[in-house]
Amino acid sequence: MKERLNKEEAKRVIEILLKTYPDAKSELNFSNSFELLIATILSAQTTDVQVNKVTEKLFKEFKTPGDFLKLKEEELAEKIRSIGFYRNKSKNILATCKLLVDKYKGQVPDTREELMKLPGVGRKTANVVLSNAFGKDAIAVDTHVFRVSNRIGLANSDNVLDTEKELMDIIDKNIWSKAHHLLIFHGRRICKARKPLCHKCPLTEYCLYYKKTSMDKEL
């Protein structure tokens, strides 16, 4: 059995997902690049729904890096306490805000290299900000994108960086950012981690995971 779809099959998969989730976009609430940066740092290993609950209050009170720097680590930690790893995230957010003020005049940089110099910002977070705040072509590989793309056969890798490279290779550049959201939507709604809802999936004609599990059942 083949390990990966070809480009034509991948194109068809994306077309089906576009029809299935025409409104796919970031489910984090933000109004500018700084808010998206903070929300994305908070979102690691936490649901977007929970992040939005916290940032709804947070962003009304603290609108700039300078505003956040008026807080001590413990004070910010208390405000984001309902979010996983809140102490570490509090530390990273304040360190990031300090760097934004000291080095970038309070502005969020718009390159991956500069974004990844910020505390708490890895390649995934940088790609989310580049894509959603600055409109640059990028694929952010989170847990949903990694799982779904490797199950379907858009990628065949055991790590996020190689998965990103394989997705960039097989998907047209002008739709990288949209594809990222399509895969997340599909992962949250149908291609779930523990019990994927294959009976509801519109991709069974192409999905390598579905074909393999169907064959296993027949044996």
C-alpha atoms as a PDB file:
ATOM      1  CA  MET A   1       0.000   0.000   0.000  1.00  0.00           C
ATOM      2  CA  LYS A   2       1.339   3.449  -0.911  1.00  0.00           C
ATOM      3  CA  GLU A   3       2.471   5.756   1.863  1.00  0.00           C
ATOM      4  CA  ARG A   4       1.498   9.134   0.443  1.00  0.00           C
ATOM      5  CA  LEU A   5      -0.937  10.721  -1.984  1.00  0.00           C
ATOM      6  CA  ASN A   6       0.268  12.275  -5.229  1.00  0.00           C
ATOM      7  CA  LYS A   7      -0.182  15.976  -6.026  1.00  0.00           C
ATOM      8  CA  GLU A   8      -3.371  15.460  -8.004  1.00  0.00           C
ATOM      9  CA  GLU A   9      -4.951  13.454  -5.186  1.00  0.00           C
ATOM     10  CA  ALA A  10      -3.821  16.061  -2.667  1.00  0.00           C
ATOM     11  CA  LYS A  11      -5.402  18.787  -4.772  1.00  0.00           C
ATOM     12  CA  ARG A  12      -8.682  16.878  -4.778  1.00  0.00           C
ATOM     13  CA  VAL A  13      -8.526  16.427  -0.984  1.00  0.00           C
ATOM     14  CA  ILE A  14      -8.104  20.184  -0.513  1.00  0.00           C
ATOM     15  CA  GLU A  15     -10.990  20.879  -2.915  1.00  0.00           C
ATOM     16  CA  ILE A  16     -13.267  18.577  -0.899  1.00  0.00           C
ATOM     17  CA  LEU A  17     -12.221  20.217   2.371  1.00  0.00           C
ATOM     18  CA  LEU A  18     -12.876  23.661   0.867  1.00  0.00           C
ATOM     19  CA  LYS A  19     -16.422  22.601   0.028  1.00  0.00           C
ATOM     20  CA  THR A  20     -16.881  21.017   3.455  1.00  0.00           C
ATOM     21  CA  TYR A  21     -15.478  23.948   5.466  1.00  0.00           C
ATOM     22  CA  PRO A  22     -15.863  27.087   3.306  1.00  0.00           C
ATOM     23  CA  ASP A  23     -15.589  29.348   6.365  1.00  0.00           C
ATOM     24  CA  ALA A  24     -12.482  27.727   7.856  1.00  0.00           C
ATOM     25  CA  LYS A  25     -10.314  30.316   9.607  1.00  0.00           C
ATOM     26  CA  SER A  26      -8.555  30.911  12.907  1.00  0.00           C
ATOM     27  CA  GLU A  27     -10.859  30.266  15.831  1.00  0.00           C
ATOM     28  CA  LEU A  28      -8.803  32.498  18.104  1.00  0.00           C
ATOM     29  CA  ASN A  29     -10.295  35.943  18.647  1.00  0.00           C
ATOM     30  CA  PHE A  30      -7.926  38.834  17.925  1.00  0.00           C
ATOM     31  CA  SER A  31      -7.990  42.299  16.393  1.00  0.00           C
ATOM     32  CA  ASN A  32      -4.282  42.865  15.646  1.00  0.00           C
ATOM     33  CA  SER A  33      -0.944  41.061  15.350  1.00  0.00           C
ATOM     34  CA  PHE A  34      -0.026  41.567  19.014  1.00  0.00           C
ATOM     35  CA  GLU A  35      -3.285  40.059  20.267  1.00  0.00           C
ATOM     36  CA  LEU A  36      -2.845  37.089  17.920  1.00  0.00           C
ATOM     37  CA  LEU A  37       0.721  36.564  19.136  1.00  0.00           C
ATOM     38  CA  ILE A  38      -0.371  36.503  22.789  1.00  0.00           C
ATOM     39  CA  ALA A  39      -3.424  34.329  22.062  1.00  0.00           C
ATOM     40  CA  THR A  40      -1.295  31.819  20.129  1.00  0.00           C
ATOM     41  CA  ILE A  41       1.276  31.581  22.937  1.00  0.00           C
ATOM     42  CA  LEU A  42      -1.612  30.935  25.332  1.00  0.00           C
ATOM     43  CA  SER A  43      -3.177  28.329  23.032  1.00  0.00           C
ATOM     44  CA  ALA A  44      -0.409  25.726  23.338  1.00  0.00           C
ATOM     45  CA  GLN A  45      -1.975  22.543  24.776  1.00  0.00           C
ATOM     46  CA  THR A  46      -5.182  24.481  25.500  1.00  0.00           C
ATOM     47  CA  THR A  47      -8.376  24.825  23.471  1.00  0.00           C
ATOM     48  CA  ASP A  48      -9.074  27.986  21.492  1.00  0.00           C
ATOM     49  CA  VAL A  49     -12.419  28.213  23.282  1.00  0.00           C
ATOM     50  CA  GLN A  50     -10.688  28.503  26.658  1.00  0.00           C
ATOM     51  CA  VAL A  51      -8.139  30.983  25.319  1.00  0.00           C
ATOM     52  CA  ASN A  52     -10.931  33.182  23.948  1.00  0.00           C
ATOM     53  CA  LYS A  53     -12.623  33.225  27.348  1.00  0.00           C
ATOM     54  CA  VAL A  54      -9.434  34.499  28.946  1.00  0.00           C
ATOM     55  CA  THR A  55      -8.416  36.987  26.259  1.00  0.00           C
ATOM     56  CA  GLU A  56     -11.883  38.541  26.098  1.00  0.00           C
ATOM     57  CA  LYS A  57     -11.157  40.114  29.488  1.00  0.00           C
ATOM     58  CA  LEU A  58      -7.375  40.321  29.132  1.00  0.00           C
ATOM     59  CA  PHE A  59      -7.307  42.339  25.901  1.00  0.00           C
ATOM     60  CA  LYS A  60      -9.805  44.886  27.214  1.00  0.00           C
ATOM     61  CA  GLU A  61      -7.419  45.769  30.020  1.00  0.00           C
ATOM     62  CA  PHE A  62      -4.031  45.184  28.383  1.00  0.00           C
ATOM     63  CA  LYS A  63      -3.712  46.315  24.771  1.00  0.00           C
ATOM     64  CA  THR A  64       0.031  46.771  24.213  1.00  0.00           C
ATOM     65  CA  PRO A  65       3.306  45.153  25.287  1.00  0.00           C
ATOM     66  CA  GLY A  66       3.816  48.123  27.585  1.00  0.00           C
ATOM     67  CA  ASP A  67       0.476  47.452  29.281  1.00  0.00           C
ATOM     68  CA  PHE A  68       1.481  43.859  30.014  1.00  0.00           C
ATOM     69  CA  LEU A  69       4.818  44.963  31.437  1.00  0.00           C
ATOM     70  CA  LYS A  70       2.979  46.774  34.241  1.00  0.00           C
ATOM     71  CA  LEU A  71       2.161  43.298  35.581  1.00  0.00           C
ATOM     72  CA  LYS A  72       4.332  41.010  37.638  1.00  0.00           C
ATOM     73  CA  GLU A  73       4.632  37.360  36.602  1.00  0.00           C
ATOM     74  CA  GLU A  74       2.398  36.254  39.464  1.00  0.00           C
ATOM     75  CA  GLU A  75      -0.275  38.828  38.563  1.00  0.00           C
ATOM     76  CA  LEU A  76      -0.464  37.779  34.922  1.00  0.00           C
ATOM     77  CA  ALA A  77      -0.387  34.110  35.944  1.00  0.00           C
ATOM     78  CA  GLU A  78      -3.445  34.685  38.096  1.00  0.00           C
ATOM     79  CA  LYS A  79      -5.323  36.279  35.181  1.00  0.00           C
ATOM     80  CA  ILE A  80      -4.600  33.305  32.891  1.00  0.00           C
ATOM     81  CA  ARG A  81      -4.851  30.658  35.599  1.00  0.00           C
ATOM     82  CA  SER A  82      -7.570  28.657  33.793  1.00  0.00           C
ATOM     83  CA  ILE A  83      -5.155  27.957  30.929  1.00  0.00           C
ATOM     84  CA  GLY A  84      -2.689  25.059  30.961  1.00  0.00           C
ATOM     85  CA  PHE A  85       0.927  25.832  31.922  1.00  0.00           C
ATOM     86  CA  TYR A  86      -0.178  29.305  32.974  1.00  0.00           C
ATOM     87  CA  ARG A  87       2.920  30.055  35.051  1.00  0.00           C
ATOM     88  CA  ASN A  88       5.334  29.298  32.226  1.00  0.00           C
ATOM     89  CA  LYS A  89       3.161  31.158  29.733  1.00  0.00           C
ATOM     90  CA  SER A  90       3.033  34.182  32.020  1.00  0.00           C
ATOM     91  CA  LYS A  91       6.834  34.220  32.167  1.00  0.00           C
ATOM     92  CA  ASN A  92       7.170  33.882  28.372  1.00  0.00           C
ATOM     93  CA  ILE A  93       4.540  36.522  27.592  1.00  0.00           C
ATOM     94  CA  LEU A  94       6.195  39.134  29.796  1.00  0.00           C
ATOM     95  CA  ALA A  95       9.644  38.278  28.405  1.00  0.00           C
ATOM     96  CA  THR A  96       8.237  38.572  24.878  1.00  0.00           C
ATOM     97  CA  CYS A  97       6.616  41.915  25.671  1.00  0.00           C
ATOM     98  CA  LYS A  98       9.919  43.226  27.040  1.00  0.00           C
ATOM     99  CA  LEU A  99      11.742  42.187  23.867  1.00  0.00           C
ATOM    100  CA  LEU A 100       9.034  43.748  21.694  1.00  0.00           C
ATOM    101  CA  VAL A 101       9.451  47.047  23.539  1.00  0.00           C
ATOM    102  CA  ASP A 102      13.265  46.968  23.734  1.00  0.00           C
ATOM    103  CA  LYS A 103      14.066  45.702  20.239  1.00  0.00           C
ATOM    104  CA  TYR A 104      11.009  46.180  18.007  1.00  0.00           C
ATOM    105  CA  LYS A 105       9.522  49.490  19.234  1.00  0.00           C
ATOM    106  CA  GLY A 106       6.491  47.653  20.575  1.00  0.00           C
ATOM    107  CA  GLN A 107       5.646  46.147  17.172  1.00  0.00           C
ATOM    108  CA  VAL A 108       5.344  42.459  16.298  1.00  0.00           C
ATOM    109  CA  PRO A 109       8.013  41.487  13.725  1.00  0.00           C
ATOM    110  CA  ASP A 110       6.755  40.039  10.444  1.00  0.00           C
ATOM    111  CA  THR A 111       9.431  37.452   9.657  1.00  0.00           C
ATOM    112  CA  ARG A 112       9.673  33.886  10.960  1.00  0.00           C
ATOM    113  CA  GLU A 113      13.297  34.375  11.983  1.00  0.00           C
ATOM    114  CA  GLU A 114      12.517  37.404  14.170  1.00  0.00           C
ATOM    115  CA  LEU A 115       9.316  35.942  15.592  1.00  0.00           C
ATOM    116  CA  MET A 116      11.142  32.797  16.701  1.00  0.00           C
ATOM    117  CA  LYS A 117      13.530  34.931  18.775  1.00  0.00           C
ATOM    118  CA  LEU A 118      10.598  35.786  21.061  1.00  0.00           C
ATOM    119  CA  PRO A 119      10.250  33.677  24.249  1.00  0.00           C
ATOM    120  CA  GLY A 120       7.501  31.072  23.924  1.00  0.00           C
ATOM    121  CA  VAL A 121       7.382  31.374  20.129  1.00  0.00           C
ATOM    122  CA  GLY A 122       8.275  28.280  18.147  1.00  0.00           C
ATOM    123  CA  ARG A 123       7.933  27.663  14.430  1.00  0.00           C
ATOM    124  CA  LYS A 124       4.223  26.801  14.694  1.00  0.00           C
ATOM    125  CA  THR A 125       3.342  29.987  16.554  1.00  0.00           C
ATOM    126  CA  ALA A 126       5.467  32.051  14.169  1.00  0.00           C
ATOM    127  CA  ASN A 127       3.677  30.537  11.168  1.00  0.00           C
ATOM    128  CA  VAL A 128       0.258  31.224  12.728  1.00  0.00           C
ATOM    129  CA  VAL A 129       1.160  34.899  13.178  1.00  0.00           C
ATOM    130  CA  LEU A 130       2.737  35.225   9.721  1.00  0.00           C
ATOM    131  CA  SER A 131      -0.288  33.665   8.084  1.00  0.00           C
ATOM    132  CA  ASN A 132      -3.155  35.211  10.014  1.00  0.00           C
ATOM    133  CA  ALA A 133      -1.765  38.609  11.005  1.00  0.00           C
ATOM    134  CA  PHE A 134       0.453  39.428   8.031  1.00  0.00           C
ATOM    135  CA  GLY A 135      -1.176  37.450   5.215  1.00  0.00           C
ATOM    136  CA  LYS A 136       2.008  35.533   4.373  1.00  0.00           C
ATOM    137  CA  ASP A 137       1.891  32.013   2.945  1.00  0.00           C
ATOM    138  CA  ALA A 138       2.676  29.566   5.763  1.00  0.00           C
ATOM    139  CA  ILE A 139       1.528  26.214   7.145  1.00  0.00           C
ATOM    140  CA  ALA A 140       1.464  25.948  10.927  1.00  0.00           C
ATOM    141  CA  VAL A 141       1.632  22.305  11.971  1.00  0.00           C
ATOM    142  CA  ASP A 142      -0.231  21.893  15.246  1.00  0.00           C
ATOM    143  CA  THR A 143      -1.479  18.616  16.687  1.00  0.00           C
ATOM    144  CA  HIS A 144      -4.527  18.554  14.387  1.00  0.00           C
ATOM    145  CA  VAL A 145      -2.621  19.370  11.191  1.00  0.00           C
ATOM    146  CA  PHE A 146       0.033  16.773  12.060  1.00  0.00           C
ATOM    147  CA  ARG A 147      -2.497  14.024  12.789  1.00  0.00           C
ATOM    148  CA  VAL A 148      -4.876  14.678   9.906  1.00  0.00           C
ATOM    149  CA  SER A 149      -2.279  15.236   7.187  1.00  0.00           C
ATOM    150  CA  ASN A 150      -0.382  12.054   8.108  1.00  0.00           C
ATOM    151  CA  ARG A 151      -3.571  10.005   8.374  1.00  0.00           C
ATOM    152  CA  ILE A 152      -4.920  11.122   5.015  1.00  0.00           C
ATOM    153  CA  GLY A 153      -1.577  10.753   3.265  1.00  0.00           C
ATOM    154  CA  LEU A 154      -0.774  14.386   2.504  1.00  0.00           C
ATOM    155  CA  ALA A 155       2.351  13.734   4.552  1.00  0.00           C
ATOM    156  CA  ASN A 156       4.208  10.686   5.793  1.00  0.00           C
ATOM    157  CA  SER A 157       6.374  11.779   8.672  1.00  0.00           C
ATOM    158  CA  ASP A 158       6.823  11.278  12.403  1.00  0.00           C
ATOM    159  CA  ASN A 159       7.761  14.899  13.196  1.00  0.00           C
ATOM    160  CA  VAL A 160       6.187  18.313  12.671  1.00  0.00           C
ATOM    161  CA  LEU A 161       9.016  19.933  10.703  1.00  0.00           C
ATOM    162  CA  ASP A 162       9.133  17.217   8.045  1.00  0.00           C
ATOM    163  CA  THR A 163       5.324  17.226   7.951  1.00  0.00           C
ATOM    164  CA  GLU A 164       5.380  20.968   7.258  1.00  0.00           C
ATOM    165  CA  LYS A 165       7.947  20.510   4.466  1.00  0.00           C
ATOM    166  CA  GLU A 166       5.921  17.702   2.879  1.00  0.00           C
ATOM    167  CA  LEU A 167       2.724  19.767   3.028  1.00  0.00           C
ATOM    168  CA  MET A 168       4.525  22.738   1.448  1.00  0.00           C
ATOM    169  CA  ASP A 169       5.699  20.428  -1.310  1.00  0.00           C
ATOM    170  CA  ILE A 170       2.337  18.804  -2.087  1.00  0.00           C
ATOM    171  CA  ILE A 171      -0.020  21.804  -1.624  1.00  0.00           C
ATOM    172  CA  ASP A 172       0.043  24.909  -3.841  1.00  0.00           C
ATOM    173  CA  LYS A 173       1.703  27.818  -2.043  1.00  0.00           C
ATOM    174  CA  ASN A 174      -1.224  30.203  -2.558  1.00  0.00           C
ATOM    175  CA  ILE A 175      -3.445  27.950  -0.436  1.00  0.00           C
ATOM    176  CA  TRP A 176      -1.005  26.979   2.348  1.00  0.00           C
ATOM    177  CA  SER A 177      -2.653  29.251   4.919  1.00  0.00           C
ATOM    178  CA  LYS A 178      -6.178  28.141   4.034  1.00  0.00           C
ATOM    179  CA  ALA A 179      -5.130  24.473   4.010  1.00  0.00           C
ATOM    180  CA  HIS A 180      -3.831  24.865   7.565  1.00  0.00           C
ATOM    181  CA  HIS A 181      -7.286  25.936   8.747  1.00  0.00           C
ATOM    182  CA  LEU A 182      -9.059  23.273   6.682  1.00  0.00           C
ATOM    183  CA  LEU A 183      -6.999  20.520   8.303  1.00  0.00           C
ATOM    184  CA  ILE A 184      -7.629  21.947  11.782  1.00  0.00           C
ATOM    185  CA  PHE A 185     -11.389  22.135  11.179  1.00  0.00           C
ATOM    186  CA  HIS A 186     -11.416  18.566   9.880  1.00  0.00           C
ATOM    187  CA  GLY A 187      -9.378  17.367  12.859  1.00  0.00           C
ATOM    188  CA  ARG A 188     -11.675  19.020  15.380  1.00  0.00           C
ATOM    189  CA  ARG A 189     -14.924  17.964  13.771  1.00  0.00           C
ATOM    190  CA  ILE A 190     -14.358  14.575  12.110  1.00  0.00           C
ATOM    191  CA  CYS A 191     -10.775  13.254  12.118  1.00  0.00           C
ATOM    192  CA  LYS A 192     -10.535  13.219  15.916  1.00  0.00           C
ATOM    193  CA  ALA A 193      -7.541  11.835  17.768  1.00  0.00           C
ATOM    194  CA  ARG A 194      -9.039   8.835  19.537  1.00  0.00           C
ATOM    195  CA  LYS A 195     -12.132   7.998  17.533  1.00  0.00           C
ATOM    196  CA  PRO A 196     -12.142   9.471  14.042  1.00  0.00           C
ATOM    197  CA  LEU A 197     -15.659   9.687  12.607  1.00  0.00           C
ATOM    198  CA  CYS A 198     -14.776   7.921   9.352  1.00  0.00           C
ATOM    199  CA  HIS A 199     -18.452   7.200   8.616  1.00  0.00           C
ATOM    200  CA  LYS A 200     -19.005  10.973   8.307  1.00  0.00           C
ATOM    201  CA  CYS A 201     -15.803  11.770   6.435  1.00  0.00           C
ATOM    202  CA  PRO A 202     -15.948  13.091   2.838  1.00  0.00           C
ATOM    203  CA  LEU A 203     -12.360  11.979   2.190  1.00  0.00           C
ATOM    204  CA  THR A 204     -12.669   8.199   2.413  1.00  0.00           C
ATOM    205  CA  GLU A 205     -12.053   7.819  -1.333  1.00  0.00           C
ATOM    206  CA  TYR A 206      -8.529   9.183  -0.824  1.00  0.00           C
ATOM    207  CA  CYS A 207      -7.674   8.682   2.856  1.00  0.00           C
ATOM    208  CA  LEU A 208      -4.897   6.110   3.332  1.00  0.00           C
ATOM    209  CA  TYR A 209      -5.830   5.608   7.000  1.00  0.00           C
ATOM    210  CA  TYR A 210      -9.406   4.723   6.053  1.00  0.00           C
ATOM    211  CA  LYS A 211      -8.272   2.338   3.315  1.00  0.00           C
ATOM    212  CA  LYS A 212      -5.854   0.597   5.677  1.00  0.00           C
ATOM    213  CA  THR A 213      -8.351   0.209   8.517  1.00  0.00           C
ATOM    214  CA  SER A 214     -11.003  -1.028   6.084  1.00  0.00           C
ATOM    215  CA  MET A 215      -8.596  -3.663   4.780  1.00  0.00           C
ATOM    216  CA  ASP A 216      -7.668  -4.705   8.332  1.00  0.00           C
ATOM    217  CA  LYS A 217     -11.330  -5.266   9.149  1.00  0.00           C
ATOM    218  CA  GLU A 218     -11.725  -7.511   6.144  1.00  0.00           C
ATOM    219  CA  LEU A 219      -8.810  -9.727   7.147  1.00  0.00           C
END
